[in-house]
Amino acid sequence: MLLGMVITMIADSYFALRYKDTSDKINWTCIERFAMESWTQNAFQQNKEIALQIVCAIFIFTQLFLNLHGAQNKEVICFLFLGFYIARIVSFLLETVLAIKIAQSNMTCVCLAIVGGVTIFSGVNSYMTNIAIVIMILDAVLGSTIFVQ
């Protein structure tokens, strides 16, 4: 509880420093935007990029399948990945709150890819989970590349 209170107060202080009396909008930094946006979220808002939309759908639904399989085998990393991709589906279908946008952001994907990359060499994951980790790493690389462009 103490850690939660400290994190909340740090976040509150940070946003209080970002607030300007002259405007009700905040100019987000590049890192903050990376932590709030997802390449799949932006892909579905553009009607012209049909190839990108197909790739996004393939990534999301492949990961849902692989992680449901891994979660059924009680592999902990699959529960994390499954929650991430469910947040992506919710963000795709509905206009979501900032917390869900952050939960399915490029930054979260990169963090999960790093965690997955560390566990892939442990040898305790199933073959399907290793495929899910590789796809998560590709997702993180693709999201970072699209964000940089």
N, C-alpha and C. Protein backbone atom coordinates (compact mmCIF):
# COMPACT_ATOMS: atom_id res chain seq x y z
N MET A 1 0.82 -1.19 0.00
CA MET A 1 0.00 0.00 0.00
C MET A 1 0.86 1.25 0.00
N LEU A 2 1.97 1.21 0.73
CA LEU A 2 2.85 2.36 0.79
C LEU A 2 3.47 2.62 -0.58
N LEU A 3 3.90 1.57 -1.27
CA LEU A 3 4.48 1.73 -2.60
C LEU A 3 3.45 2.32 -3.57
N GLY A 4 2.22 1.85 -3.50
CA GLY A 4 1.16 2.39 -4.35
C GLY A 4 0.92 3.86 -4.09
N MET A 5 0.94 4.25 -2.83
CA MET A 5 0.75 5.65 -2.46
C MET A 5 1.91 6.51 -2.98
N VAL A 6 3.14 6.02 -2.87
CA VAL A 6 4.30 6.77 -3.35
C VAL A 6 4.23 6.95 -4.87
N ILE A 7 3.89 5.88 -5.59
CA ILE A 7 3.78 5.97 -7.05
C ILE A 7 2.68 6.94 -7.45
N THR A 8 1.57 6.89 -6.77
CA THR A 8 0.46 7.82 -7.06
C THR A 8 0.87 9.26 -6.81
N MET A 9 1.57 9.51 -5.72
CA MET A 9 1.99 10.88 -5.42
C MET A 9 3.03 11.37 -6.41
N ILE A 10 3.93 10.50 -6.84
CA ILE A 10 4.91 10.89 -7.86
C ILE A 10 4.21 11.24 -9.16
N ALA A 11 3.25 10.41 -9.57
CA ALA A 11 2.50 10.69 -10.80
C ALA A 11 1.72 11.99 -10.67
N ASP A 12 1.09 12.20 -9.54
CA ASP A 12 0.33 13.44 -9.32
C ASP A 12 1.25 14.65 -9.39
N SER A 13 2.40 14.56 -8.77
CA SER A 13 3.36 15.68 -8.79
C SER A 13 3.86 15.94 -10.21
N TYR A 14 4.11 14.88 -10.95
CA TYR A 14 4.60 15.02 -12.31
C TYR A 14 3.57 15.75 -13.18
N PHE A 15 2.32 15.32 -13.11
CA PHE A 15 1.29 15.95 -13.93
C PHE A 15 0.97 17.36 -13.45
N ALA A 16 1.15 17.63 -12.18
CA ALA A 16 0.96 18.99 -11.68
C ALA A 16 2.03 19.91 -12.25
N LEU A 17 3.23 19.40 -12.41
CA LEU A 17 4.30 20.20 -13.01
C LEU A 17 4.04 20.43 -14.50
N ARG A 18 3.39 19.48 -15.15
CA ARG A 18 3.11 19.58 -16.59
C ARG A 18 1.95 20.53 -16.89
N TYR A 19 1.11 20.80 -15.92
CA TYR A 19 -0.08 21.62 -16.13
C TYR A 19 0.30 23.08 -16.33
N LYS A 20 -0.32 23.71 -17.30
CA LYS A 20 -0.12 25.14 -17.56
C LYS A 20 -1.45 25.85 -17.40
N ASP A 21 -1.43 27.01 -16.75
CA ASP A 21 -2.66 27.79 -16.55
C ASP A 21 -3.23 28.32 -17.86
N THR A 22 -2.38 28.53 -18.85
CA THR A 22 -2.82 29.16 -20.10
C THR A 22 -3.48 28.18 -21.07
N SER A 23 -3.34 26.88 -20.83
CA SER A 23 -3.89 25.90 -21.78
C SER A 23 -4.37 24.67 -21.02
N ASP A 24 -5.38 24.03 -21.56
CA ASP A 24 -5.87 22.80 -20.93
C ASP A 24 -5.29 21.56 -21.63
N LYS A 25 -4.36 21.76 -22.56
CA LYS A 25 -3.73 20.66 -23.26
C LYS A 25 -2.29 20.52 -22.81
N ILE A 26 -1.83 19.28 -22.78
CA ILE A 26 -0.45 18.99 -22.40
C ILE A 26 0.31 18.56 -23.65
N ASN A 27 1.47 19.14 -23.88
CA ASN A 27 2.34 18.70 -24.96
C ASN A 27 3.17 17.52 -24.46
N TRP A 28 2.79 16.32 -24.88
CA TRP A 28 3.46 15.12 -24.40
C TRP A 28 4.84 14.98 -25.03
N THR A 29 5.78 14.46 -24.27
CA THR A 29 7.11 14.18 -24.81
C THR A 29 7.03 12.91 -25.65
N CYS A 30 8.10 12.65 -26.35
CA CYS A 30 8.16 11.47 -27.23
C CYS A 30 8.02 10.17 -26.43
N ILE A 31 8.65 10.09 -25.28
CA ILE A 31 8.58 8.89 -24.45
C ILE A 31 7.18 8.70 -23.89
N GLU A 32 6.54 9.80 -23.50
CA GLU A 32 5.17 9.71 -22.98
C GLU A 32 4.20 9.24 -24.06
N ARG A 33 4.38 9.72 -25.27
CA ARG A 33 3.52 9.27 -26.38
C ARG A 33 3.77 7.80 -26.68
N PHE A 34 5.03 7.37 -26.61
CA PHE A 34 5.37 5.96 -26.84
C PHE A 34 4.71 5.08 -25.79
N ALA A 35 4.58 5.61 -24.56
CA ALA A 35 3.96 4.85 -23.48
C ALA A 35 2.44 4.89 -23.51
N MET A 36 1.85 5.73 -24.37
CA MET A 36 0.39 5.81 -24.45
C MET A 36 -0.18 5.29 -25.76
N GLU A 37 0.66 5.13 -26.78
CA GLU A 37 0.15 4.75 -28.10
C GLU A 37 0.59 3.35 -28.48
N SER A 38 -0.16 2.78 -29.40
CA SER A 38 0.15 1.48 -29.94
C SER A 38 0.07 1.55 -31.46
N TRP A 39 0.94 0.83 -32.14
CA TRP A 39 0.91 0.86 -33.59
C TRP A 39 -0.37 0.22 -34.12
N THR A 40 -0.93 -0.75 -33.42
CA THR A 40 -2.17 -1.37 -33.87
C THR A 40 -3.34 -0.41 -33.71
N GLN A 41 -3.33 0.37 -32.66
CA GLN A 41 -4.39 1.35 -32.42
C GLN A 41 -4.41 2.39 -33.54
N ASN A 42 -3.25 2.88 -33.94
CA ASN A 42 -3.18 3.87 -35.00
C ASN A 42 -3.47 3.26 -36.36
N ALA A 43 -3.16 2.01 -36.55
CA ALA A 43 -3.39 1.36 -37.84
C ALA A 43 -4.87 1.28 -38.15
N PHE A 44 -5.70 1.03 -37.15
CA PHE A 44 -7.12 0.87 -37.40
C PHE A 44 -7.84 2.21 -37.51
N GLN A 45 -7.17 3.30 -37.20
CA GLN A 45 -7.78 4.61 -37.37
C GLN A 45 -7.57 5.16 -38.78
N GLN A 46 -6.67 4.55 -39.53
CA GLN A 46 -6.39 4.99 -40.89
C GLN A 46 -7.08 4.03 -41.86
N ASN A 47 -7.92 4.54 -42.70
CA ASN A 47 -8.67 3.70 -43.63
C ASN A 47 -7.86 3.32 -44.86
N LYS A 48 -6.77 3.99 -45.12
CA LYS A 48 -6.00 3.74 -46.34
C LYS A 48 -5.06 2.55 -46.23
N GLU A 49 -4.59 2.21 -45.06
CA GLU A 49 -3.56 1.20 -44.87
C GLU A 49 -4.16 -0.18 -44.65
N ILE A 50 -4.72 -0.80 -45.67
CA ILE A 50 -5.36 -2.10 -45.51
C ILE A 50 -4.33 -3.19 -45.19
N ALA A 51 -3.13 -3.11 -45.78
CA ALA A 51 -2.10 -4.12 -45.50
C ALA A 51 -1.69 -4.06 -44.03
N LEU A 52 -1.53 -2.86 -43.50
CA LEU A 52 -1.16 -2.71 -42.10
C LEU A 52 -2.28 -3.21 -41.18
N GLN A 53 -3.52 -2.99 -41.55
CA GLN A 53 -4.64 -3.48 -40.77
C GLN A 53 -4.68 -5.00 -40.75
N ILE A 54 -4.39 -5.62 -41.87
CA ILE A 54 -4.36 -7.09 -41.94
C ILE A 54 -3.24 -7.64 -41.07
N VAL A 55 -2.07 -7.02 -41.13
CA VAL A 55 -0.94 -7.46 -40.30
C VAL A 55 -1.29 -7.31 -38.82
N CYS A 56 -1.93 -6.20 -38.44
CA CYS A 56 -2.34 -5.99 -37.05
C CYS A 56 -3.29 -7.07 -36.59
N ALA A 57 -4.29 -7.36 -37.41
CA ALA A 57 -5.26 -8.40 -37.04
C ALA A 57 -4.59 -9.76 -36.91
N ILE A 58 -3.66 -10.06 -37.80
CA ILE A 58 -2.94 -11.34 -37.73
C ILE A 58 -2.14 -11.42 -36.43
N PHE A 59 -1.43 -10.34 -36.09
CA PHE A 59 -0.65 -10.33 -34.84
C PHE A 59 -1.57 -10.55 -33.64
N ILE A 60 -2.65 -9.80 -33.57
CA ILE A 60 -3.53 -9.87 -32.39
C ILE A 60 -4.17 -11.24 -32.25
N PHE A 61 -4.76 -11.75 -33.32
CA PHE A 61 -5.50 -13.01 -33.20
C PHE A 61 -4.56 -14.22 -33.08
N THR A 62 -3.38 -14.15 -33.69
CA THR A 62 -2.40 -15.22 -33.50
C THR A 62 -1.95 -15.26 -32.05
N GLN A 63 -1.68 -14.09 -31.49
CA GLN A 63 -1.25 -14.04 -30.09
C GLN A 63 -2.37 -14.48 -29.15
N LEU A 64 -3.60 -14.11 -29.45
CA LEU A 64 -4.71 -14.58 -28.62
C LEU A 64 -4.77 -16.10 -28.60
N PHE A 65 -4.65 -16.72 -29.77
CA PHE A 65 -4.68 -18.18 -29.85
C PHE A 65 -3.51 -18.80 -29.09
N LEU A 66 -2.29 -18.33 -29.36
CA LEU A 66 -1.11 -18.92 -28.73
C LEU A 66 -1.14 -18.74 -27.22
N ASN A 67 -1.56 -17.58 -26.76
CA ASN A 67 -1.55 -17.31 -25.33
C ASN A 67 -2.71 -17.98 -24.60
N LEU A 68 -3.82 -18.18 -25.27
CA LEU A 68 -4.88 -19.00 -24.67
C LEU A 68 -4.40 -20.42 -24.48
N HIS A 69 -3.67 -20.92 -25.46
CA HIS A 69 -3.09 -22.27 -25.35
C HIS A 69 -2.09 -22.34 -24.19
N GLY A 70 -1.22 -21.33 -24.11
CA GLY A 70 -0.23 -21.30 -23.02
C GLY A 70 -0.86 -21.10 -21.66
N ALA A 71 -1.91 -20.28 -21.60
CA ALA A 71 -2.60 -20.07 -20.33
C ALA A 71 -3.31 -21.34 -19.88
N GLN A 72 -3.80 -22.10 -20.84
CA GLN A 72 -4.42 -23.38 -20.49
C GLN A 72 -3.39 -24.34 -19.90
N ASN A 73 -2.14 -24.22 -20.34
CA ASN A 73 -1.05 -25.03 -19.78
C ASN A 73 -0.45 -24.41 -18.54
N LYS A 74 -1.05 -23.34 -18.04
CA LYS A 74 -0.66 -22.65 -16.81
C LYS A 74 0.76 -22.05 -16.88
N GLU A 75 1.10 -21.49 -18.03
CA GLU A 75 2.38 -20.80 -18.17
C GLU A 75 2.14 -19.32 -17.86
N VAL A 76 2.84 -18.82 -16.86
CA VAL A 76 2.58 -17.48 -16.31
C VAL A 76 2.77 -16.39 -17.35
N ILE A 77 3.79 -16.51 -18.17
CA ILE A 77 4.05 -15.45 -19.15
C ILE A 77 2.90 -15.33 -20.14
N CYS A 78 2.22 -16.42 -20.41
CA CYS A 78 1.07 -16.38 -21.33
C CYS A 78 -0.09 -15.61 -20.72
N PHE A 79 -0.24 -15.65 -19.41
CA PHE A 79 -1.28 -14.84 -18.76
C PHE A 79 -0.99 -13.35 -18.96
N LEU A 80 0.28 -12.96 -18.84
CA LEU A 80 0.67 -11.56 -19.06
C LEU A 80 0.40 -11.14 -20.50
N PHE A 81 0.85 -11.98 -21.44
CA PHE A 81 0.66 -11.68 -22.85
C PHE A 81 -0.83 -11.64 -23.21
N LEU A 82 -1.59 -12.56 -22.65
CA LEU A 82 -3.03 -12.62 -22.93
C LEU A 82 -3.72 -11.34 -22.45
N GLY A 83 -3.38 -10.88 -21.26
CA GLY A 83 -3.95 -9.63 -20.77
C GLY A 83 -3.60 -8.46 -21.67
N PHE A 84 -2.36 -8.45 -22.15
CA PHE A 84 -1.92 -7.39 -23.06
C PHE A 84 -2.73 -7.39 -24.35
N TYR A 85 -2.91 -8.55 -24.94
CA TYR A 85 -3.64 -8.61 -26.22
C TYR A 85 -5.14 -8.44 -26.04
N ILE A 86 -5.67 -8.78 -24.90
CA ILE A 86 -7.08 -8.47 -24.63
C ILE A 86 -7.26 -6.95 -24.53
N ALA A 87 -6.29 -6.27 -23.91
CA ALA A 87 -6.34 -4.81 -23.86
C ALA A 87 -6.26 -4.22 -25.27
N ARG A 88 -5.48 -4.85 -26.14
CA ARG A 88 -5.40 -4.38 -27.53
C ARG A 88 -6.73 -4.57 -28.25
N ILE A 89 -7.38 -5.70 -28.03
CA ILE A 89 -8.68 -5.94 -28.66
C ILE A 89 -9.70 -4.93 -28.15
N VAL A 90 -9.71 -4.68 -26.85
CA VAL A 90 -10.65 -3.71 -26.28
C VAL A 90 -10.38 -2.32 -26.85
N SER A 91 -9.13 -1.96 -26.97
CA SER A 91 -8.77 -0.65 -27.53
C SER A 91 -9.16 -0.56 -28.99
N PHE A 92 -9.09 -1.68 -29.70
CA PHE A 92 -9.49 -1.70 -31.11
C PHE A 92 -11.00 -1.54 -31.26
N LEU A 93 -11.76 -2.19 -30.41
CA LEU A 93 -13.21 -2.20 -30.55
C LEU A 93 -13.88 -0.97 -29.95
N LEU A 94 -13.31 -0.42 -28.89
CA LEU A 94 -13.96 0.66 -28.16
C LEU A 94 -13.03 1.85 -27.99
N GLU A 95 -13.61 3.00 -27.79
CA GLU A 95 -12.82 4.16 -27.37
C GLU A 95 -12.53 3.96 -25.88
N THR A 96 -11.27 3.83 -25.53
CA THR A 96 -10.92 3.41 -24.17
C THR A 96 -10.37 4.55 -23.34
N VAL A 97 -10.23 4.27 -22.07
CA VAL A 97 -9.65 5.22 -21.13
C VAL A 97 -8.12 5.14 -21.23
N LEU A 98 -7.47 6.10 -20.64
CA LEU A 98 -6.02 6.19 -20.72
C LEU A 98 -5.33 4.97 -20.13
N ALA A 99 -5.88 4.38 -19.09
CA ALA A 99 -5.25 3.21 -18.46
C ALA A 99 -5.16 2.03 -19.42
N ILE A 100 -6.20 1.81 -20.22
CA ILE A 100 -6.16 0.72 -21.19
C ILE A 100 -5.22 1.07 -22.34
N LYS A 101 -5.18 2.34 -22.72
CA LYS A 101 -4.24 2.75 -23.76
C LYS A 101 -2.80 2.51 -23.31
N ILE A 102 -2.51 2.79 -22.06
CA ILE A 102 -1.17 2.55 -21.54
C ILE A 102 -0.89 1.06 -21.43
N ALA A 103 -1.89 0.28 -21.03
CA ALA A 103 -1.71 -1.17 -20.89
C ALA A 103 -1.43 -1.85 -22.21
N GLN A 104 -1.87 -1.28 -23.32
CA GLN A 104 -1.64 -1.90 -24.62
C GLN A 104 -0.69 -1.07 -25.49
N SER A 105 0.13 -0.26 -24.86
CA SER A 105 1.00 0.66 -25.59
C SER A 105 2.25 -0.03 -26.12
N ASN A 106 2.97 0.70 -26.96
CA ASN A 106 4.24 0.21 -27.48
C ASN A 106 5.24 -0.05 -26.35
N MET A 107 5.23 0.81 -25.34
CA MET A 107 6.16 0.66 -24.22
C MET A 107 5.89 -0.64 -23.46
N THR A 108 4.63 -0.95 -23.22
CA THR A 108 4.29 -2.20 -22.55
C THR A 108 4.71 -3.39 -23.39
N CYS A 109 4.52 -3.28 -24.69
CA CYS A 109 4.92 -4.35 -25.59
C CYS A 109 6.43 -4.58 -25.53
N VAL A 110 7.20 -3.51 -25.52
CA VAL A 110 8.65 -3.64 -25.43
C VAL A 110 9.05 -4.30 -24.11
N CYS A 111 8.42 -3.88 -23.01
CA CYS A 111 8.72 -4.47 -21.70
C CYS A 111 8.38 -5.96 -21.67
N LEU A 112 7.23 -6.32 -22.21
CA LEU A 112 6.85 -7.74 -22.25
C LEU A 112 7.76 -8.53 -23.17
N ALA A 113 8.21 -7.92 -24.27
CA ALA A 113 9.14 -8.60 -25.17
C ALA A 113 10.47 -8.86 -24.48
N ILE A 114 10.92 -7.93 -23.67
CA ILE A 114 12.17 -8.13 -22.93
C ILE A 114 12.01 -9.26 -21.92
N VAL A 115 10.90 -9.25 -21.19
CA VAL A 115 10.64 -10.33 -20.23
C VAL A 115 10.55 -11.67 -20.95
N GLY A 116 9.85 -11.69 -22.07
CA GLY A 116 9.74 -12.92 -22.85
C GLY A 116 11.08 -13.38 -23.40
N GLY A 117 11.87 -12.41 -23.88
CA GLY A 117 13.20 -12.75 -24.39
C GLY A 117 14.09 -13.38 -23.33
N VAL A 118 13.95 -12.93 -22.09
CA VAL A 118 14.73 -13.52 -21.00
C VAL A 118 14.26 -14.94 -20.71
N THR A 119 12.95 -15.17 -20.75
CA THR A 119 12.43 -16.50 -20.40
C THR A 119 12.53 -17.50 -21.54
N ILE A 120 12.75 -17.03 -22.76
CA ILE A 120 12.78 -17.96 -23.89
C ILE A 120 13.96 -18.92 -23.78
N PHE A 121 15.04 -18.49 -23.15
CA PHE A 121 16.22 -19.33 -23.03
C PHE A 121 16.22 -20.20 -21.77
N SER A 122 15.17 -20.10 -20.97
CA SER A 122 15.12 -20.89 -19.74
C SER A 122 14.80 -22.35 -19.99
N GLY A 123 14.14 -22.64 -21.10
CA GLY A 123 13.82 -24.02 -21.43
C GLY A 123 12.58 -24.56 -20.76
N VAL A 124 11.88 -23.74 -19.99
CA VAL A 124 10.68 -24.23 -19.30
C VAL A 124 9.41 -23.95 -20.09
N ASN A 125 9.50 -23.12 -21.13
CA ASN A 125 8.33 -22.77 -21.92
C ASN A 125 8.04 -23.85 -22.96
N SER A 126 6.77 -23.97 -23.31
CA SER A 126 6.41 -24.90 -24.37
C SER A 126 6.74 -24.29 -25.73
N TYR A 127 6.64 -25.10 -26.74
CA TYR A 127 6.92 -24.66 -28.10
C TYR A 127 5.99 -23.52 -28.52
N MET A 128 4.71 -23.64 -28.18
CA MET A 128 3.73 -22.60 -28.53
C MET A 128 4.04 -21.29 -27.80
N THR A 129 4.47 -21.38 -26.57
CA THR A 129 4.81 -20.18 -25.81
C THR A 129 6.04 -19.50 -26.41
N ASN A 130 7.01 -20.27 -26.83
CA ASN A 130 8.19 -19.69 -27.48
C ASN A 130 7.81 -18.98 -28.77
N ILE A 131 6.85 -19.53 -29.52
CA ILE A 131 6.37 -18.85 -30.73
C ILE A 131 5.69 -17.54 -30.35
N ALA A 132 4.88 -17.57 -29.28
CA ALA A 132 4.21 -16.35 -28.81
C ALA A 132 5.24 -15.29 -28.39
N ILE A 133 6.32 -15.70 -27.76
CA ILE A 133 7.36 -14.76 -27.35
C ILE A 133 8.05 -14.15 -28.57
N VAL A 134 8.34 -14.97 -29.57
CA VAL A 134 8.97 -14.45 -30.79
C VAL A 134 8.05 -13.45 -31.49
N ILE A 135 6.75 -13.76 -31.54
CA ILE A 135 5.81 -12.83 -32.16
C ILE A 135 5.71 -11.54 -31.34
N MET A 136 5.78 -11.66 -30.01
CA MET A 136 5.76 -10.46 -29.17
C MET A 136 6.99 -9.61 -29.44
N ILE A 137 8.14 -10.22 -29.62
CA ILE A 137 9.36 -9.47 -29.93
C ILE A 137 9.22 -8.78 -31.28
N LEU A 138 8.67 -9.49 -32.28
CA LEU A 138 8.41 -8.87 -33.59
C LEU A 138 7.42 -7.71 -33.47
N ASP A 139 6.41 -7.89 -32.64
CA ASP A 139 5.42 -6.84 -32.39
C ASP A 139 6.10 -5.61 -31.81
N ALA A 140 6.99 -5.81 -30.84
CA ALA A 140 7.69 -4.69 -30.21
C ALA A 140 8.60 -3.97 -31.20
N VAL A 141 9.31 -4.74 -32.02
CA VAL A 141 10.20 -4.13 -33.02
C VAL A 141 9.38 -3.36 -34.06
N LEU A 142 8.29 -3.97 -34.53
CA LEU A 142 7.45 -3.31 -35.52
C LEU A 142 6.81 -2.04 -34.96
N GLY A 143 6.30 -2.12 -33.73
CA GLY A 143 5.70 -0.94 -33.11
C GLY A 143 6.71 0.18 -32.90
N SER A 144 7.91 -0.18 -32.48
CA SER A 144 8.95 0.84 -32.28
C SER A 144 9.37 1.46 -33.60
N THR A 145 9.48 0.64 -34.64
CA THR A 145 9.87 1.16 -35.95
C THR A 145 8.81 2.10 -36.52
N ILE A 146 7.55 1.72 -36.42
CA ILE A 146 6.48 2.57 -36.93
C ILE A 146 6.41 3.87 -36.13
N PHE A 147 6.63 3.79 -34.81
CA PHE A 147 6.58 4.98 -33.99
C PHE A 147 7.70 5.96 -34.35
N VAL A 148 8.89 5.43 -34.63
CA VAL A 148 10.04 6.28 -34.94
C VAL A 148 9.82 7.00 -36.27
N GLN A 149 9.16 6.31 -37.22
CA GLN A 149 8.92 6.93 -38.52
C GLN A 149 7.87 7.94 -38.39
